[in-house]
Amino acid sequence: MHYTTSALLELEALILVMQNNRMRFGDLLVKQSMGIAMGMSPAPTIANLFVAIHEAASILRFVGLFLLWLKRVIDDGFGIWLHDPDPAVDAANWEIFKAAINSGGLKWTFLPRGKKVVFLDMIVEVVGNKLETALYHKPQALHLYLPPNSFHAPGVLYGLIYGMALRIHSLCSRAQDVEAELVSFFRCLVDRGHQAPGLIPLFAKAIANAKRYLAQDPAFRARKKQEKLEASRRRIFLHLPYHPQNPSSQEIQDLWRGLVSDTALKTPLNRIENYNSHRIPIDQLVIAYSRPPNLNNMFSYRKICKLSGPKVSS
């Protein structure tokens, strides 16, 4: 099999990372002997490949026999089971399938098969001859949205409400579930300290935006998405810590347009050519705010070695 030089270098880097991962825990330095460290860039890809290899070797042979349909996102799978008319044979098939799943090195807990299942952040249910979906919330979810006195740019709240409204309308197939989720989300924000009179107009605009977006033709949405993707390749980002007394993003954008991108006095940036007559592919400036350190950062221990008391090694 032929490998490019870059692929070989990447493979060597992965081997180095996988075989030599160290973690510091207090005064101990531990080498990881199995698995991969959470948070590493290649971790999702490696996990996906690990499951895919097992899936190809042991699971896909059941599609068309026990399974009508099977799809997977990393370690979250969704399948449709084909029942055998004989209950005894059907039960035996289920045991064979569970044993094949557990033969891949991970041990899974199986619940009884049913017409209602949780997949990712959705509840999918067979109702009559169609599938109906609703949002799923883990029992431990606290819905700790940003409070109004949090040191974040105002656009963060707008984006949160607009994004959540679109998510609710997209993933809930029943109108009563859409209304219930919107009301629950509204109450969560009020519980976090936001004022209802200020939220109501934002919710109204967000709901109208979600309905307008979903009413568009799918082909039109796909085309607009592709246009945004192409435009994203012609952006630069200005990263700044947010402070309400600093110049606003609107003021910075006005300066950008007046001095760089749309100036009438000089050649705009995207029309300047290099020695090979290629223009600079930058059309847009994006202000990317980061929050300053908060009280949690100031007072919470980030290193166990700073805690008083016995060492971890003891």
Protein backbone atom coordinates (compact mmCIF):
# COMPACT_ATOMS: atom_id res chain seq x y z
CA MET A 1 0.00 0.00 0.00
CA HIS A 2 1.35 3.41 -0.93
CA TYR A 3 1.58 6.17 1.69
CA THR A 4 2.51 9.78 1.04
CA THR A 5 5.29 11.40 3.03
CA SER A 6 2.82 13.57 4.94
CA ALA A 7 0.67 10.53 5.78
CA LEU A 8 3.70 8.66 7.12
CA LEU A 9 4.66 11.65 9.27
CA GLU A 10 1.13 11.88 10.60
CA LEU A 11 1.14 8.15 11.34
CA GLU A 12 4.43 8.46 13.22
CA ALA A 13 3.02 11.37 15.20
CA LEU A 14 -0.10 9.35 16.12
CA ILE A 15 2.03 6.40 17.23
CA LEU A 16 4.13 8.75 19.35
CA VAL A 17 1.04 10.23 20.96
CA MET A 18 -0.78 6.92 21.48
CA GLN A 19 2.18 5.08 23.00
CA ASN A 20 3.64 7.86 25.14
CA ASN A 21 0.73 9.76 26.65
CA ARG A 22 1.51 10.99 30.20
CA MET A 23 -0.85 12.58 32.70
CA ARG A 24 0.04 14.53 35.82
CA PHE A 25 -2.13 13.88 38.89
CA GLY A 26 -0.87 15.82 41.88
CA ASP A 27 2.72 14.71 42.45
CA LEU A 28 2.31 11.61 40.27
CA LEU A 29 3.20 11.29 36.59
CA VAL A 30 1.24 8.41 35.04
CA LYS A 31 1.64 6.74 31.63
CA GLN A 32 -1.58 5.74 29.91
CA SER A 33 -1.47 2.06 28.92
CA MET A 34 -4.90 1.71 27.25
CA GLY A 35 -7.25 3.99 25.33
CA ILE A 36 -6.69 7.57 24.28
CA ALA A 37 -6.74 10.80 26.28
CA MET A 38 -10.01 12.71 26.14
CA GLY A 39 -9.65 16.13 24.55
CA MET A 40 -6.92 15.16 22.11
CA SER A 41 -7.56 16.34 18.55
CA PRO A 42 -7.42 12.87 16.93
CA ALA A 43 -9.46 11.19 19.70
CA PRO A 44 -12.88 11.32 17.93
CA THR A 45 -11.37 10.10 14.65
CA ILE A 46 -9.53 7.23 16.35
CA ALA A 47 -12.65 6.27 18.32
CA ASN A 48 -14.67 6.36 15.10
CA LEU A 49 -12.14 4.10 13.33
CA PHE A 50 -12.01 1.71 16.30
CA VAL A 51 -15.78 1.21 16.25
CA ALA A 52 -15.90 1.15 12.43
CA ILE A 53 -13.38 -1.72 12.22
CA HIS A 54 -15.39 -3.77 14.72
CA GLU A 55 -18.61 -2.80 12.98
CA ALA A 56 -17.33 -3.94 9.58
CA ALA A 57 -16.00 -7.22 10.97
CA SER A 58 -18.85 -8.25 13.25
CA ILE A 59 -21.99 -6.08 12.95
CA LEU A 60 -22.73 -5.16 9.33
CA ARG A 61 -23.36 -8.83 8.45
CA PHE A 62 -26.61 -8.56 10.41
CA VAL A 63 -28.02 -5.84 8.17
CA GLY A 64 -30.73 -7.52 6.11
CA LEU A 65 -30.95 -10.42 8.59
CA PHE A 66 -31.74 -8.98 12.02
CA LEU A 67 -31.43 -5.29 11.14
CA LEU A 68 -33.37 -3.36 8.55
CA TRP A 69 -31.21 -0.23 8.93
CA LEU A 70 -28.15 0.85 10.90
CA LYS A 71 -26.36 4.20 11.14
CA ARG A 72 -23.75 5.48 13.58
CA VAL A 73 -22.11 8.71 14.77
CA ILE A 74 -18.82 7.70 16.47
CA ASP A 75 -20.18 5.56 19.36
CA ASP A 76 -23.89 6.44 19.07
CA GLY A 77 -25.78 4.07 16.80
CA PHE A 78 -29.36 3.94 15.56
CA GLY A 79 -30.83 0.73 14.17
CA ILE A 80 -34.17 -0.78 13.19
CA TRP A 81 -34.66 -4.39 14.30
CA LEU A 82 -36.36 -7.02 12.14
CA HIS A 83 -38.47 -9.29 14.35
CA ASP A 84 -38.68 -12.97 13.51
CA PRO A 85 -42.25 -14.35 13.53
CA ASP A 86 -41.10 -17.05 15.97
CA PRO A 87 -40.53 -15.44 19.42
CA ALA A 88 -37.93 -18.06 20.36
CA VAL A 89 -35.91 -17.45 17.19
CA ASP A 90 -36.26 -13.68 17.65
CA ALA A 91 -34.92 -13.92 21.23
CA ALA A 92 -32.00 -16.06 20.04
CA ASN A 93 -31.19 -13.56 17.28
CA TRP A 94 -31.17 -10.76 19.86
CA GLU A 95 -28.68 -12.68 22.04
CA ILE A 96 -26.43 -13.31 19.03
CA PHE A 97 -26.52 -9.62 18.15
CA LYS A 98 -25.70 -8.53 21.72
CA ALA A 99 -22.78 -10.97 21.89
CA ALA A 100 -21.41 -9.57 18.62
CA ILE A 101 -21.66 -6.01 19.92
CA ASN A 102 -19.83 -6.94 23.14
CA SER A 103 -17.07 -8.78 21.29
CA GLY A 104 -15.39 -5.53 20.29
CA GLY A 105 -13.61 -4.88 23.59
CA LEU A 106 -16.31 -2.71 25.18
CA LYS A 107 -19.13 -4.08 27.32
CA TRP A 108 -22.55 -2.59 26.68
CA THR A 109 -25.71 -2.51 28.77
CA PHE A 110 -28.79 -3.38 26.71
CA LEU A 111 -32.33 -2.24 27.36
CA PRO A 112 -35.42 -4.01 26.00
CA ARG A 113 -36.20 -3.24 22.38
CA GLY A 114 -39.01 -0.78 21.84
CA LYS A 115 -40.60 1.77 19.54
CA LYS A 116 -39.08 4.72 21.44
CA VAL A 117 -35.36 5.43 21.72
CA VAL A 118 -32.97 8.20 22.70
CA PHE A 119 -30.41 9.01 19.99
CA LEU A 120 -27.92 11.83 20.59
CA ASP A 121 -30.06 14.77 21.78
CA MET A 122 -33.35 13.46 20.36
CA ILE A 123 -36.16 11.13 21.35
CA VAL A 124 -37.22 9.14 18.28
CA GLU A 125 -40.54 7.30 18.44
CA VAL A 126 -42.54 5.18 16.01
CA VAL A 127 -46.11 6.50 15.98
CA GLY A 128 -48.33 4.69 13.52
CA ASN A 129 -46.49 4.60 10.21
CA LYS A 130 -44.15 7.53 10.83
CA LEU A 131 -41.30 8.70 13.08
CA GLU A 132 -41.84 11.55 15.53
CA THR A 133 -38.98 13.36 17.26
CA ALA A 134 -38.54 15.54 20.33
CA LEU A 135 -35.62 16.93 22.31
CA TYR A 136 -33.97 14.80 24.97
CA HIS A 137 -32.57 16.26 28.20
CA LYS A 138 -30.39 14.22 30.52
CA PRO A 139 -31.79 13.97 34.08
CA GLN A 140 -28.58 15.59 35.39
CA ALA A 141 -28.84 18.61 33.05
CA LEU A 142 -28.93 21.83 35.08
CA HIS A 143 -29.43 24.23 32.13
CA LEU A 144 -26.94 26.70 33.57
CA TYR A 145 -27.18 29.35 30.87
CA LEU A 146 -25.19 32.56 31.17
CA PRO A 147 -26.66 34.97 33.75
CA PRO A 148 -27.28 38.60 32.69
CA ASN A 149 -24.38 39.92 34.77
CA SER A 150 -21.90 37.60 33.05
CA PHE A 151 -19.03 39.42 31.37
CA HIS A 152 -19.92 38.45 27.79
CA ALA A 153 -20.68 40.44 24.68
CA PRO A 154 -24.42 41.14 24.16
CA GLY A 155 -24.43 39.11 20.95
CA VAL A 156 -23.85 35.92 22.95
CA LEU A 157 -27.40 36.06 24.35
CA TYR A 158 -28.87 36.78 20.90
CA GLY A 159 -26.98 33.87 19.39
CA LEU A 160 -28.06 31.55 22.21
CA ILE A 161 -31.76 32.35 21.78
CA TYR A 162 -31.71 32.30 17.97
CA GLY A 163 -29.76 29.03 17.89
CA MET A 164 -31.92 27.32 20.47
CA ALA A 165 -35.15 28.41 18.77
CA LEU A 166 -33.94 26.97 15.46
CA ARG A 167 -32.82 23.75 17.18
CA ILE A 168 -36.20 23.31 18.87
CA HIS A 169 -38.15 23.91 15.67
CA SER A 170 -35.85 21.60 13.69
CA LEU A 171 -35.82 18.62 16.06
CA CYS A 172 -39.36 18.66 17.47
CA SER A 173 -41.93 17.26 15.04
CA ARG A 174 -44.99 18.02 17.20
CA ALA A 175 -46.23 21.58 17.70
CA GLN A 176 -46.97 20.95 21.40
CA ASP A 177 -43.36 19.85 21.96
CA VAL A 178 -42.07 22.98 20.23
CA GLU A 179 -44.18 25.18 22.50
CA ALA A 180 -43.23 23.24 25.64
CA GLU A 181 -39.49 23.42 24.86
CA LEU A 182 -39.65 27.17 24.12
CA VAL A 183 -41.50 27.83 27.38
CA SER A 184 -39.01 25.69 29.32
CA PHE A 185 -36.06 27.48 27.73
CA PHE A 186 -37.63 30.88 28.50
CA ARG A 187 -38.15 29.92 32.14
CA CYS A 188 -34.59 28.65 32.44
CA LEU A 189 -33.28 32.06 31.32
CA VAL A 190 -35.61 33.85 33.74
CA ASP A 191 -34.42 31.55 36.55
CA ARG A 192 -30.85 32.56 35.70
CA GLY A 193 -31.74 36.22 36.26
CA HIS A 194 -32.77 37.51 32.83
CA GLN A 195 -35.77 39.84 32.74
CA ALA A 196 -38.85 38.54 30.94
CA PRO A 197 -39.74 41.88 29.23
CA GLY A 198 -36.31 41.96 27.60
CA LEU A 199 -36.47 38.32 26.50
CA ILE A 200 -39.92 38.40 24.88
CA PRO A 201 -38.96 40.46 21.77
CA LEU A 202 -35.81 38.35 21.29
CA PHE A 203 -37.86 35.16 21.43
CA ALA A 204 -40.41 36.57 18.98
CA LYS A 205 -37.69 37.43 16.45
CA ALA A 206 -35.92 34.10 16.97
CA ILE A 207 -39.11 32.08 16.45
CA ALA A 208 -39.96 34.04 13.30
CA ASN A 209 -36.41 33.48 12.01
CA ALA A 210 -36.61 29.72 12.67
CA LYS A 211 -39.95 29.38 10.88
CA ARG A 212 -38.71 31.45 7.95
CA TYR A 213 -35.54 29.38 7.63
CA LEU A 214 -37.34 26.01 7.78
CA ALA A 215 -39.92 27.17 5.24
CA GLN A 216 -37.17 27.63 2.64
CA ASP A 217 -36.60 25.04 -0.06
CA PRO A 218 -33.93 22.49 1.06
CA ALA A 219 -31.97 23.09 -2.15
CA PHE A 220 -31.95 26.83 -1.45
CA ARG A 221 -30.76 26.21 2.12
CA ALA A 222 -27.99 23.93 0.84
CA ARG A 223 -26.90 26.56 -1.67
CA LYS A 224 -26.83 29.30 0.99
CA LYS A 225 -24.86 27.01 3.30
CA GLN A 226 -22.30 26.41 0.57
CA GLU A 227 -22.04 30.15 -0.08
CA LYS A 228 -21.40 30.78 3.61
CA LEU A 229 -18.78 28.05 3.64
CA GLU A 230 -16.97 29.63 0.70
CA ALA A 231 -17.24 33.08 2.31
CA SER A 232 -15.77 31.69 5.56
CA ARG A 233 -12.53 30.93 3.70
CA ARG A 234 -12.13 34.64 2.97
CA ARG A 235 -12.27 35.88 6.56
CA ILE A 236 -9.74 36.91 9.15
CA PHE A 237 -10.37 36.90 12.88
CA LEU A 238 -9.52 39.55 15.45
CA HIS A 239 -9.43 37.93 18.89
CA LEU A 240 -10.08 40.30 21.78
CA PRO A 241 -10.94 39.91 25.46
CA TYR A 242 -14.38 41.43 25.96
CA HIS A 243 -14.80 44.56 28.07
CA PRO A 244 -17.88 46.81 27.91
CA GLN A 245 -15.71 49.97 28.01
CA ASN A 246 -13.66 48.97 24.98
CA PRO A 247 -14.69 50.11 21.49
CA SER A 248 -17.70 48.14 20.33
CA SER A 249 -17.48 45.57 17.54
CA GLN A 250 -19.51 47.96 15.37
CA GLU A 251 -16.89 50.71 15.82
CA ILE A 252 -14.09 48.26 14.96
CA GLN A 253 -15.97 47.09 11.86
CA ASP A 254 -16.49 50.71 10.76
CA LEU A 255 -12.74 51.29 11.05
CA TRP A 256 -12.05 48.09 9.11
CA ARG A 257 -14.34 49.12 6.28
CA GLY A 258 -13.14 52.72 6.21
CA LEU A 259 -9.42 51.96 6.33
CA VAL A 260 -9.00 48.49 4.85
CA SER A 261 -11.84 46.76 3.00
CA ASP A 262 -13.98 49.52 1.50
CA THR A 263 -11.78 52.57 1.54
CA ALA A 264 -12.23 55.24 -1.11
CA LEU A 265 -8.72 56.64 -0.59
CA LYS A 266 -6.65 53.53 -1.26
CA THR A 267 -6.97 50.17 -2.99
CA PRO A 268 -9.17 47.84 -0.91
CA LEU A 269 -7.35 44.89 0.66
CA ASN A 270 -9.06 42.23 -1.48
CA ARG A 271 -7.98 44.01 -4.69
CA ILE A 272 -4.29 44.23 -3.85
CA GLU A 273 -2.26 41.81 -5.98
CA ASN A 274 1.02 40.04 -5.22
CA TYR A 275 3.89 39.43 -7.64
CA ASN A 276 1.96 36.55 -9.27
CA SER A 277 -1.12 38.74 -9.83
CA HIS A 278 -3.10 36.89 -7.16
CA ARG A 279 -5.39 39.01 -5.04
CA ILE A 280 -5.48 38.83 -1.26
CA PRO A 281 -8.45 36.52 -0.44
CA ILE A 282 -9.78 38.50 2.54
CA ASP A 283 -13.22 40.09 2.37
CA GLN A 284 -14.43 40.12 5.94
CA LEU A 285 -13.24 40.77 9.49
CA VAL A 286 -14.77 38.73 12.32
CA ILE A 287 -14.51 40.03 15.88
CA ALA A 288 -13.95 36.98 18.08
CA TYR A 289 -14.41 37.87 21.74
CA SER A 290 -13.09 35.81 24.63
CA ARG A 291 -14.21 36.37 28.18
CA PRO A 292 -11.77 37.64 30.82
CA PRO A 293 -10.95 35.45 33.85
CA ASN A 294 -13.94 35.06 36.19
CA LEU A 295 -14.17 34.34 39.92
CA ASN A 296 -14.11 30.60 39.26
CA ASN A 297 -10.76 30.96 37.50
CA MET A 298 -9.43 33.14 40.31
CA PHE A 299 -10.43 31.01 43.30
CA SER A 300 -10.68 27.42 42.02
CA TYR A 301 -7.64 25.18 42.19
CA ARG A 302 -6.36 24.16 38.79
CA LYS A 303 -3.51 22.04 40.16
CA ILE A 304 -3.97 19.49 42.91
CA CYS A 305 -0.39 20.09 44.06
CA LYS A 306 -1.48 23.49 45.36
CA LEU A 307 -3.94 21.93 47.81
CA SER A 308 -2.88 21.49 51.40
CA GLY A 309 -2.89 18.01 52.93
CA PRO A 310 -1.36 14.64 52.03
CA LYS A 311 0.15 14.17 48.59
CA VAL A 312 -1.60 12.03 45.99
CA SER A 313 1.24 9.49 46.11
CA SER A 314 0.54 8.87 49.82
